[in-house]
């Protein structure tokens, strides 16, 4: 994935993506200790990213995504993370045409 995919980054999240041969998107989530030393902060970051994916996966083409939390995600609300992700997804061209 990291070797063959493409990547984009925003202020709250970055992600690697590559097309898959399935009919639906899949995702993985990473929040390293660089984001925060506190596990509670890293877990919240992963929960935010999971929720953004869950509520927007119907808008995505069949791709494999690896979400990576950035330090900017700390203290952000769901809407800010979602806005950042959707902007990046549109730029990457992985949103379905409706």
C-alpha atoms as a PDB file:
ATOM      1  CA  UNK A   1       0.000   0.000   0.000  1.00  0.00           C
ATOM      2  CA  UNK A   2       2.612   2.554   1.018  1.00  0.00           C
ATOM      3  CA  UNK A   3       4.879   1.591  -1.879  1.00  0.00           C
ATOM      4  CA  UNK A   4       2.255   1.539  -4.647  1.00  0.00           C
ATOM      5  CA  UNK A   5      -0.377   3.996  -3.444  1.00  0.00           C
ATOM      6  CA  UNK A   6      -0.654   7.747  -3.686  1.00  0.00           C
ATOM      7  CA  UNK A   7      -0.891  10.056  -0.712  1.00  0.00           C
ATOM      8  CA  UNK A   8      -2.387  13.387   0.261  1.00  0.00           C
ATOM      9  CA  UNK A   9      -2.212  15.315   3.493  1.00  0.00           C
ATOM     10  CA  UNK A  10      -4.263  17.975   5.214  1.00  0.00           C
ATOM     11  CA  UNK A  11      -4.078  19.731   8.539  1.00  0.00           C
ATOM     12  CA  UNK A  12      -5.876  16.997  10.518  1.00  0.00           C
ATOM     13  CA  UNK A  13      -5.403  13.810   8.467  1.00  0.00           C
ATOM     14  CA  UNK A  14      -3.267  12.373   5.724  1.00  0.00           C
ATOM     15  CA  UNK A  15      -4.087   9.257   3.774  1.00  0.00           C
ATOM     16  CA  UNK A  16      -2.617   6.779   1.342  1.00  0.00           C
ATOM     17  CA  UNK A  17      -4.952   5.284  -1.220  1.00  0.00           C
ATOM     18  CA  UNK A  18      -4.963   2.830  -4.092  1.00  0.00           C
ATOM     19  CA  UNK A  19      -7.807   1.262  -6.087  1.00  0.00           C
ATOM     20  CA  UNK A  20      -9.053  -2.170  -5.062  1.00  0.00           C
ATOM     21  CA  UNK A  21     -10.861  -4.863  -7.049  1.00  0.00           C
ATOM     22  CA  UNK A  22     -13.853  -4.918  -4.720  1.00  0.00           C
ATOM     23  CA  UNK A  23     -17.120  -3.026  -4.986  1.00  0.00           C
ATOM     24  CA  UNK A  24     -16.598  -1.062  -1.787  1.00  0.00           C
ATOM     25  CA  UNK A  25     -13.892   1.000  -0.039  1.00  0.00           C
ATOM     26  CA  UNK A  26     -11.827  -0.304   2.893  1.00  0.00           C
ATOM     27  CA  UNK A  27      -9.837   1.650   5.463  1.00  0.00           C
ATOM     28  CA  UNK A  28      -7.181   1.354   8.143  1.00  0.00           C
ATOM     29  CA  UNK A  29      -6.341   3.942  10.792  1.00  0.00           C
ATOM     30  CA  UNK A  30      -3.029   5.051  12.329  1.00  0.00           C
ATOM     31  CA  UNK A  31      -2.400   7.468  15.190  1.00  0.00           C
ATOM     32  CA  UNK A  32       1.241   7.303  16.232  1.00  0.00           C
ATOM     33  CA  UNK A  33       2.905   8.613  19.367  1.00  0.00           C
ATOM     34  CA  UNK A  34       4.008  11.609  17.301  1.00  0.00           C
ATOM     35  CA  UNK A  35       0.389  12.785  17.447  1.00  0.00           C
ATOM     36  CA  UNK A  36       0.259  12.512  21.247  1.00  0.00           C
ATOM     37  CA  UNK A  37       1.965  10.547  23.976  1.00  0.00           C
ATOM     38  CA  UNK A  38      -1.427  10.027  25.644  1.00  0.00           C
ATOM     39  CA  UNK A  39      -3.305   6.920  24.508  1.00  0.00           C
ATOM     40  CA  UNK A  40      -6.633   8.637  25.164  1.00  0.00           C
ATOM     41  CA  UNK A  41      -5.784  11.307  22.554  1.00  0.00           C
ATOM     42  CA  UNK A  42      -4.615   8.754  19.980  1.00  0.00           C
ATOM     43  CA  UNK A  43      -7.763   6.673  20.509  1.00  0.00           C
ATOM     44  CA  UNK A  44      -9.986   9.731  20.072  1.00  0.00           C
ATOM     45  CA  UNK A  45      -8.171  10.578  16.838  1.00  0.00           C
ATOM     46  CA  UNK A  46      -8.801   7.047  15.535  1.00  0.00           C
ATOM     47  CA  UNK A  47     -12.467   7.217  16.583  1.00  0.00           C
ATOM     48  CA  UNK A  48     -12.874  10.499  14.687  1.00  0.00           C
ATOM     49  CA  UNK A  49     -11.263   9.075  11.549  1.00  0.00           C
ATOM     50  CA  UNK A  50     -13.375   5.884  11.759  1.00  0.00           C
ATOM     51  CA  UNK A  51     -16.564   7.912  12.049  1.00  0.00           C
ATOM     52  CA  UNK A  52     -15.613  10.128   9.092  1.00  0.00           C
ATOM     53  CA  UNK A  53     -15.026   6.995   7.008  1.00  0.00           C
ATOM     54  CA  UNK A  54     -18.195   5.241   8.223  1.00  0.00           C
ATOM     55  CA  UNK A  55     -20.483   8.156   7.388  1.00  0.00           C
ATOM     56  CA  UNK A  56     -18.862   8.959   4.028  1.00  0.00           C
ATOM     57  CA  UNK A  57     -17.889   5.564   2.572  1.00  0.00           C
ATOM     58  CA  UNK A  58     -20.963   5.568   0.319  1.00  0.00           C
ATOM     59  CA  UNK A  59     -19.438   8.607  -1.438  1.00  0.00           C
ATOM     60  CA  UNK A  60     -16.126   6.850  -2.181  1.00  0.00           C
ATOM     61  CA  UNK A  61     -15.022   4.795  -5.160  1.00  0.00           C
ATOM     62  CA  UNK A  62     -13.690   1.290  -4.369  1.00  0.00           C
ATOM     63  CA  UNK A  63     -10.308   2.139  -2.854  1.00  0.00           C
ATOM     64  CA  UNK A  64      -8.129   0.988   0.004  1.00  0.00           C
ATOM     65  CA  UNK A  65      -7.352   3.872   2.372  1.00  0.00           C
ATOM     66  CA  UNK A  66      -4.906   4.216   5.227  1.00  0.00           C
ATOM     67  CA  UNK A  67      -5.800   7.222   7.394  1.00  0.00           C
ATOM     68  CA  UNK A  68      -2.930   8.795   9.330  1.00  0.00           C
ATOM     69  CA  UNK A  69      -3.706  11.258  12.118  1.00  0.00           C
ATOM     70  CA  UNK A  70      -1.776  14.527  12.174  1.00  0.00           C
ATOM     71  CA  UNK A  71      -1.073  16.637  15.269  1.00  0.00           C
ATOM     72  CA  UNK A  72      -3.722  19.092  14.056  1.00  0.00           C
ATOM     73  CA  UNK A  73      -6.475  16.567  14.825  1.00  0.00           C
ATOM     74  CA  UNK A  74      -6.097  17.102  18.582  1.00  0.00           C
ATOM     75  CA  UNK A  75      -8.978  19.163  19.916  1.00  0.00           C
ATOM     76  CA  UNK A  76     -10.839  19.273  16.583  1.00  0.00           C
ATOM     77  CA  UNK A  77     -14.520  18.530  16.213  1.00  0.00           C
ATOM     78  CA  UNK A  78     -15.937  15.877  13.875  1.00  0.00           C
ATOM     79  CA  UNK A  79     -17.098  18.440  11.293  1.00  0.00           C
ATOM     80  CA  UNK A  80     -13.590  19.888  10.910  1.00  0.00           C
ATOM     81  CA  UNK A  81     -12.031  16.459  10.353  1.00  0.00           C
ATOM     82  CA  UNK A  82     -14.789  15.514   7.899  1.00  0.00           C
ATOM     83  CA  UNK A  83     -14.359  18.767   5.955  1.00  0.00           C
ATOM     84  CA  UNK A  84     -10.604  18.161   5.704  1.00  0.00           C
ATOM     85  CA  UNK A  85     -11.093  14.555   4.531  1.00  0.00           C
ATOM     86  CA  UNK A  86     -13.744  15.398   1.913  1.00  0.00           C
ATOM     87  CA  UNK A  87     -11.590  18.204   0.505  1.00  0.00           C
ATOM     88  CA  UNK A  88      -8.646  15.803   0.183  1.00  0.00           C
ATOM     89  CA  UNK A  89     -10.818  13.007  -1.272  1.00  0.00           C
ATOM     90  CA  UNK A  90     -12.151  15.370  -3.936  1.00  0.00           C
ATOM     91  CA  UNK A  91      -8.613  16.488  -4.766  1.00  0.00           C
ATOM     92  CA  UNK A  92      -7.536  12.824  -5.016  1.00  0.00           C
ATOM     93  CA  UNK A  93     -10.454  11.993  -7.321  1.00  0.00           C
ATOM     94  CA  UNK A  94     -11.759   9.146  -5.165  1.00  0.00           C
ATOM     95  CA  UNK A  95     -15.296  10.520  -4.717  1.00  0.00           C
ATOM     96  CA  UNK A  96     -18.054   8.881  -6.794  1.00  0.00           C
ATOM     97  CA  UNK A  97     -19.727  10.974  -9.472  1.00  0.00           C
ATOM     98  CA  UNK A  98     -23.364  11.404  -8.493  1.00  0.00           C
END
